[in-house]
Each structure stands twice: as structure tokens, then as C-alpha cells.
Amino acid sequence: MTDHFAEPLDIEGVLSIIPASAPGIPMVFDSPHSGLAIPDDFERVVSDDMVLQASDTYVDDLFSFAPSIGAPLLTAQFPRSFLDLNRSLEDVDLDLVEGLWPHPVRDSASARRGMGLVWRYAWGDQPMYGRKLTVKELEHRIDTYWRPYHRELVRLLDSTHERFGKVYHVNCHSMPAIGHALSPDPAGTIRKDMVIGDYDGASAEPEFVGMVCETLKSFGYSVSLNVPFRGAELVSAYSAPEKNRHSIQIEINRKLYMDETTRQKTSGYSELKANLARLGEACRDFVQSVKT
């Protein structure tokens, strides 16, 4: 059958949706940080390479198996440091705003580190901007980039849940091999191959989380749960395990597939991509076996 919510969508410079190409399953994948298209109005004092240093380069391709197992894949097209989709609208870094910000804010650890809704730093201690942003500029970014992405993700999640009575959402990311100045773990921390985040047990049923962890371990990867990344806005905002709405975050260590300096693929890329496709098949089998 054709899913009414599974039409392809492309909003130039903002997002893309690749619909399922196989019979639908109760899963949705999204990659919010793999975008590399730098907006024309992104005024900053650093190079393109510096802007893209923080991007989850290739993650959209690594999870491109999703449609073939029956799940749509939503991806962002712009860099995360321009506007971070995995942040709440209340995670505004007030040090970046000229004048008074007229909307609610919260005490945000990410904003304090310079990695709020809009990043204060490009990477390390390198400032992104030579000036503060106006309220109008920031509101424009939110309306043009944040709201459409979140709207489409919610639409996919709601439509999937409506059809199947359950939905399993996989939020896809990559991480530097070693902790750095902007990260929640201490600089120099050597990270596992994979970090699975379930918001400290609050965003997904433990059986699904356990299956994902054990499947990755069976491929020979070292796996950590919630350390140092437990998931953020895209995992916490739309999950409700008691209502059969489950979200997890997957962080892949970039050393497995790319040179972090040049951002070029390494010899491990094909093996990783094949193993992630095998993980996708294991997820498909699991979610189809769950009774609602």
C-alpha cells in the first residue's frame, strides 16, 4: 500500500525526506546534523571548513538504508552550527543576542558551552561571529529552518504511530573520536565506537535499546549507553514510551569511517555502512514483532 505521509519532500537548503521504498514499518529515521549546504546569508568570521568541522558528515548516507527497510529518512541540508535542530527553542545563548530576547529561555548547559540553538563558537575556542545577532535574524532562522524540520518530524512520527499504534524513532549522529573543548565529557576523553542514548531510560523501552546495543556489540563495536550523550531535544521532545512512542539517539565514532581533519572517507566506510544496514534489518524485525 502507499503511505499518505510517505511522499518525497525537498525544501531547498532546509530539509529532505526520502520515503520508504519497501512495505512500511513503524520506524522513522532522521539525521539533523549532516547538512553541508551553507546558507547564503550566513555571515561569520570563519572559513567554510571551520563551519563544517562540527557537521555529522556522511551520516545521511550511512543511514540511507532506512527507506529500503520501510522507514522514511528525514535529513537537514544546512550545518548544525548555523542552527542546531537538536536544541530546544529555549536553548538560546543570550550572549549572542543583541538587545533583549523576547521569548522564553532556560538554563542550558549546551548554550553555556557555546553550543546552543545557534553556536557561539565554530570549533574549540574559535568565535563564529564578529558581532551579535539581532532578534530578527535569529527569529528568521527559527522560522525558516527549525520549525519546518520539527514540523515534518512530528508529522512522520504521528502518521506512523497512527497507522501502526507504535513508532520507533532513530535519531542519527556522529561524534569526534576524542572529547573536546565544547563537549560534555572532558577534553581528551577517548570515546567508544558507538554511544546509544535513551535519555537515561526515559525515551524508549529498554528491550529496544538493549537489542540495538547488543546487535552493535555483536559486530565487534564498543558501545556506551548515555555516556557522554544521552540524547537531546529530538529524542526527548517527541518520545513517550508509555504511549508506544520510542526514540533513541545513535552516535557513531568518526574514526570508524572518516578522517576528521580532511573529512574524507576512510577504508572503514563500506564495512560500517554494511553493518548499519544489518542493524536496520535487526530493528525492522524487532519492531514488527512487538505487539501493541
Protein backbone atom coordinates (compact mmCIF):
# COMPACT_ATOMS: atom_id res chain seq x y z
CA MET A 1 0.00 0.00 0.00
CA THR A 2 1.07 3.61 -0.47
CA ASP A 3 1.54 5.62 2.73
CA HIS A 4 -0.13 9.01 2.58
CA PHE A 5 2.68 10.51 4.63
CA ALA A 6 5.49 8.92 2.66
CA GLU A 7 5.84 11.30 -0.25
CA PRO A 8 9.30 12.66 -1.06
CA LEU A 9 9.89 16.24 0.03
CA ASP A 10 12.69 18.68 -0.66
CA ILE A 11 12.78 22.19 0.79
CA GLU A 12 15.87 23.64 -0.85
CA GLY A 13 18.59 24.39 1.65
CA VAL A 14 16.45 23.22 4.56
CA LEU A 15 15.45 19.54 4.55
CA SER A 16 14.73 16.42 2.55
CA ILE A 17 12.51 13.40 3.15
CA ILE A 18 13.21 10.12 1.37
CA PRO A 19 10.08 7.96 1.74
CA ALA A 20 10.01 4.24 2.35
CA SER A 21 10.69 2.15 -0.74
CA ALA A 22 9.55 -1.10 0.91
CA PRO A 23 6.39 -2.00 2.83
CA GLY A 24 6.08 0.39 5.74
CA ILE A 25 7.24 -0.44 9.25
CA PRO A 26 6.74 1.55 12.48
CA MET A 27 10.09 3.35 12.24
CA VAL A 28 11.33 6.85 11.37
CA PHE A 29 14.98 7.85 10.95
CA ASP A 30 16.34 11.38 10.98
CA SER A 31 19.77 12.97 10.53
CA PRO A 32 19.64 16.58 11.77
CA HIS A 33 23.35 17.40 11.69
CA SER A 34 24.64 16.01 8.37
CA GLY A 35 23.81 19.08 6.28
CA LEU A 36 26.69 20.77 4.44
CA ALA A 37 24.90 23.47 2.41
CA ILE A 38 25.98 26.79 3.92
CA PRO A 39 23.19 29.40 3.69
CA ASP A 40 23.98 32.48 1.58
CA ASP A 41 23.11 34.81 4.45
CA PHE A 42 25.31 33.02 7.00
CA GLU A 43 27.58 35.95 7.92
CA ARG A 44 30.51 34.77 10.03
CA VAL A 45 34.25 35.31 10.57
CA VAL A 46 35.43 31.73 9.96
CA SER A 47 36.01 29.63 6.85
CA ASP A 48 33.58 27.15 5.33
CA ASP A 49 35.83 24.33 6.51
CA MET A 50 35.62 25.60 10.07
CA VAL A 51 31.82 25.79 9.87
CA LEU A 52 31.62 22.21 8.59
CA GLN A 53 34.05 20.81 11.16
CA ALA A 54 31.12 20.20 13.51
CA SER A 55 28.87 18.58 10.91
CA ASP A 56 27.93 14.90 11.01
CA THR A 57 29.40 14.43 7.55
CA TYR A 58 28.10 11.33 5.69
CA VAL A 59 25.64 10.30 8.41
CA ASP A 60 22.73 10.80 6.00
CA ASP A 61 24.42 8.35 3.61
CA LEU A 62 25.36 5.88 6.34
CA PHE A 63 21.68 5.57 7.27
CA SER A 64 20.41 5.66 3.70
CA PHE A 65 19.27 2.05 4.12
CA ALA A 66 16.21 3.28 6.03
CA PRO A 67 13.80 3.53 3.07
CA SER A 68 14.76 0.02 1.92
CA ILE A 69 13.52 -1.46 5.22
CA GLY A 70 10.28 0.52 5.09
CA ALA A 71 11.14 3.69 7.08
CA PRO A 72 11.30 7.31 5.91
CA LEU A 73 14.56 9.23 6.32
CA LEU A 74 14.45 12.94 7.19
CA THR A 75 17.66 14.92 6.76
CA ALA A 76 18.68 18.54 7.25
CA GLN A 77 20.63 20.28 4.50
CA PHE A 78 22.32 23.11 6.47
CA PRO A 79 25.16 22.98 9.04
CA ARG A 80 24.29 22.39 12.67
CA SER A 81 26.39 25.30 13.91
CA PHE A 82 24.22 27.70 11.86
CA LEU A 83 21.14 26.43 13.69
CA ASP A 84 21.11 23.31 15.85
CA LEU A 85 17.92 21.32 15.34
CA ASN A 86 18.73 19.15 18.35
CA ARG A 87 18.16 22.08 20.70
CA SER A 88 15.03 23.46 22.28
CA LEU A 89 13.86 26.91 21.23
CA GLU A 90 14.64 27.86 24.84
CA ASP A 91 18.35 26.97 24.41
CA VAL A 92 19.22 30.44 23.16
CA ASP A 93 22.68 31.75 24.01
CA LEU A 94 21.84 35.25 25.21
CA ASP A 95 25.50 36.29 24.88
CA LEU A 96 24.95 36.09 21.11
CA VAL A 97 21.80 38.22 21.00
CA GLU A 98 21.80 41.98 20.50
CA GLY A 99 19.29 43.55 22.86
CA LEU A 100 16.54 41.71 24.72
CA TRP A 101 15.39 38.28 23.54
CA PRO A 102 11.55 38.40 23.78
CA HIS A 103 10.97 34.65 24.03
CA PRO A 104 11.34 32.11 26.85
CA VAL A 105 14.80 30.76 27.67
CA ARG A 106 16.04 28.16 30.11
CA ASP A 107 19.30 27.44 31.86
CA SER A 108 21.00 25.42 29.14
CA ALA A 109 24.27 23.53 29.55
CA SER A 110 24.69 23.43 25.78
CA ALA A 111 24.21 27.19 25.46
CA ARG A 112 26.70 27.78 28.28
CA ARG A 113 29.25 25.74 26.30
CA GLY A 114 28.59 27.83 23.22
CA MET A 115 26.60 25.05 21.52
CA GLY A 116 23.08 26.34 21.97
CA LEU A 117 20.40 26.85 19.35
CA VAL A 118 22.92 28.96 17.44
CA TRP A 119 26.57 28.20 18.10
CA ARG A 120 28.78 30.89 19.63
CA TYR A 121 31.93 29.05 18.55
CA ALA A 122 32.73 27.40 15.25
CA TRP A 123 35.03 24.86 16.90
CA GLY A 124 37.14 24.87 20.03
CA ASP A 125 37.54 28.47 21.18
CA GLN A 126 37.20 29.99 17.70
CA PRO A 127 34.34 32.54 17.71
CA MET A 128 31.83 32.09 14.90
CA TYR A 129 30.74 35.72 14.65
CA GLY A 130 32.29 39.16 14.72
CA ARG A 131 29.15 40.69 16.14
CA LYS A 132 25.96 39.79 17.98
CA LEU A 133 22.88 38.60 16.11
CA THR A 134 19.72 40.66 16.02
CA VAL A 135 16.46 39.28 17.34
CA LYS A 136 15.06 39.44 13.80
CA GLU A 137 17.96 37.38 12.41
CA LEU A 138 17.55 34.65 14.98
CA GLU A 139 13.78 34.57 14.62
CA HIS A 140 14.23 34.21 10.85
CA ARG A 141 16.49 31.19 11.32
CA ILE A 142 14.00 29.58 13.67
CA ASP A 143 11.07 30.12 11.31
CA THR A 144 12.97 29.10 8.16
CA TYR A 145 14.92 26.10 9.44
CA TRP A 146 13.95 24.87 12.93
CA ARG A 147 10.16 24.94 12.65
CA PRO A 148 9.90 23.17 9.24
CA TYR A 149 12.23 20.35 10.33
CA HIS A 150 10.45 19.74 13.61
CA ARG A 151 7.06 20.01 11.89
CA GLU A 152 8.00 17.32 9.36
CA LEU A 153 9.49 15.04 12.00
CA VAL A 154 6.34 15.30 14.11
CA ARG A 155 4.22 14.61 11.05
CA LEU A 156 6.20 11.47 10.23
CA LEU A 157 6.11 10.26 13.83
CA ASP A 158 2.39 10.96 14.26
CA SER A 159 1.43 9.36 10.94
CA THR A 160 3.49 6.28 11.67
CA HIS A 161 2.02 5.96 15.16
CA GLU A 162 -1.49 6.43 13.80
CA ARG A 163 -1.02 3.65 11.29
CA PHE A 164 0.77 1.10 13.47
CA GLY A 165 -0.15 2.06 17.04
CA LYS A 166 3.58 2.43 17.74
CA VAL A 167 6.62 4.25 16.39
CA TYR A 168 10.35 3.77 16.87
CA HIS A 169 12.41 6.86 16.07
CA VAL A 170 16.17 6.66 15.46
CA ASN A 171 18.00 10.00 15.69
CA CYS A 172 21.30 9.62 13.80
CA HIS A 173 24.58 11.36 14.63
CA SER A 174 28.36 11.10 14.59
CA MET A 175 30.90 12.24 17.15
CA PRO A 176 34.61 13.11 17.24
CA ALA A 177 36.79 10.26 18.41
CA ILE A 178 38.06 12.28 21.37
CA GLY A 179 36.28 14.68 23.73
CA HIS A 180 37.00 18.36 23.04
CA ALA A 181 36.53 21.83 24.49
CA LEU A 182 32.83 22.06 23.55
CA SER A 183 31.78 18.56 24.59
CA PRO A 184 30.10 17.38 27.81
CA ASP A 185 32.89 14.89 28.51
CA PRO A 186 36.37 16.15 29.45
CA ALA A 187 38.68 17.18 26.63
CA GLY A 188 40.90 14.25 25.69
CA THR A 189 38.35 11.57 26.59
CA ILE A 190 38.70 8.57 24.26
CA ARG A 191 35.21 7.58 23.19
CA LYS A 192 33.57 4.25 22.40
CA ASP A 193 32.75 3.24 18.84
CA MET A 194 29.04 3.83 19.41
CA VAL A 195 27.02 5.73 22.01
CA ILE A 196 23.32 4.92 22.32
CA GLY A 197 21.18 7.50 24.09
CA ASP A 198 17.73 6.86 25.52
CA TYR A 199 17.57 9.99 27.70
CA ASP A 200 18.67 7.99 30.73
CA GLY A 201 15.95 5.42 30.15
CA ALA A 202 13.11 7.90 29.62
CA SER A 203 12.70 7.94 25.82
CA ALA A 204 12.42 4.27 24.77
CA GLU A 205 11.53 0.83 26.03
CA PRO A 206 14.59 -0.99 27.39
CA GLU A 207 14.06 -4.02 25.16
CA PHE A 208 14.57 -1.98 22.00
CA VAL A 209 17.57 -0.16 23.45
CA GLY A 210 19.10 -3.44 24.57
CA MET A 211 18.59 -5.03 21.16
CA VAL A 212 20.36 -2.13 19.44
CA CYS A 213 23.29 -2.23 21.87
CA GLU A 214 23.71 -5.98 21.67
CA THR A 215 23.46 -6.02 17.87
CA LEU A 216 26.21 -3.42 17.58
CA LYS A 217 28.38 -5.31 20.07
CA SER A 218 27.91 -8.47 18.01
CA PHE A 219 29.55 -6.64 15.09
CA GLY A 220 32.60 -6.02 17.27
CA TYR A 221 31.92 -2.40 18.24
CA SER A 222 32.45 -0.99 21.72
CA VAL A 223 29.17 0.54 22.94
CA SER A 224 28.28 3.01 25.66
CA LEU A 225 24.78 3.82 26.91
CA ASN A 226 24.01 7.52 27.59
CA VAL A 227 27.68 8.43 28.23
CA PRO A 228 28.61 11.04 27.20
CA PHE A 229 25.50 11.58 25.05
CA ARG A 230 22.03 10.68 26.31
CA GLY A 231 20.14 12.41 23.51
CA ALA A 232 18.77 15.92 23.40
CA GLU A 233 15.72 17.74 22.06
CA LEU A 234 14.86 15.44 19.16
CA VAL A 235 14.88 12.38 21.44
CA SER A 236 13.22 13.93 24.47
CA ALA A 237 10.56 16.19 22.94
CA TYR A 238 8.52 13.66 20.98
CA SER A 239 9.01 10.38 22.82
CA ALA A 240 6.52 8.79 25.21
CA PRO A 241 7.28 5.10 25.75
CA GLU A 242 4.07 4.63 27.75
CA LYS A 243 2.22 5.58 24.54
CA ASN A 244 4.39 3.34 22.34
CA ARG A 245 6.43 6.31 21.07
CA HIS A 246 10.10 5.40 21.37
CA SER A 247 13.16 7.47 20.46
CA ILE A 248 16.86 6.68 20.64
CA GLN A 249 19.97 8.53 19.55
CA ILE A 250 22.89 6.79 17.85
CA GLU A 251 26.31 8.46 17.90
CA ILE A 252 28.94 6.90 15.63
CA ASN A 253 32.62 7.49 16.28
CA ARG A 254 34.01 9.28 13.23
CA LYS A 255 37.28 7.37 13.44
CA LEU A 256 35.36 4.36 12.09
CA TYR A 257 34.73 5.92 8.71
CA MET A 258 36.41 9.29 8.07
CA ASP A 259 39.50 11.42 8.51
CA GLU A 260 38.36 14.08 10.98
CA THR A 261 40.74 16.69 9.57
CA THR A 262 40.02 16.32 5.85
CA ARG A 263 36.51 14.85 6.34
CA GLN A 264 37.31 12.28 3.64
CA LYS A 265 36.02 8.73 3.84
CA THR A 266 38.47 6.09 5.02
CA SER A 267 38.77 2.40 4.19
CA GLY A 268 36.38 1.51 7.02
CA TYR A 269 33.44 3.30 5.44
CA SER A 270 32.00 0.41 3.45
CA GLU A 271 32.17 -2.03 6.36
CA LEU A 272 30.46 0.42 8.70
CA LYS A 273 27.73 1.19 6.19
CA ALA A 274 27.08 -2.54 5.67
CA ASN A 275 26.92 -3.14 9.42
CA LEU A 276 24.48 -0.28 9.92
CA ALA A 277 22.27 -1.78 7.23
CA ARG A 278 22.37 -5.05 9.17
CA LEU A 279 21.39 -3.12 12.30
CA GLY A 280 18.48 -1.67 10.33
CA GLU A 281 17.30 -5.16 9.44
CA ALA A 282 17.51 -6.20 13.11
CA CYS A 283 15.47 -3.12 14.05
CA ARG A 284 12.88 -3.94 11.39
CA ASP A 285 12.50 -7.47 12.66
CA PHE A 286 12.22 -6.28 16.26
CA VAL A 287 9.61 -3.57 15.73
CA GLN A 288 7.49 -5.85 13.56
CA SER A 289 7.50 -8.47 16.32
CA VAL A 290 6.30 -6.09 19.05
CA LYS A 291 2.60 -6.44 19.87
CA THR A 292 0.63 -3.28 20.59
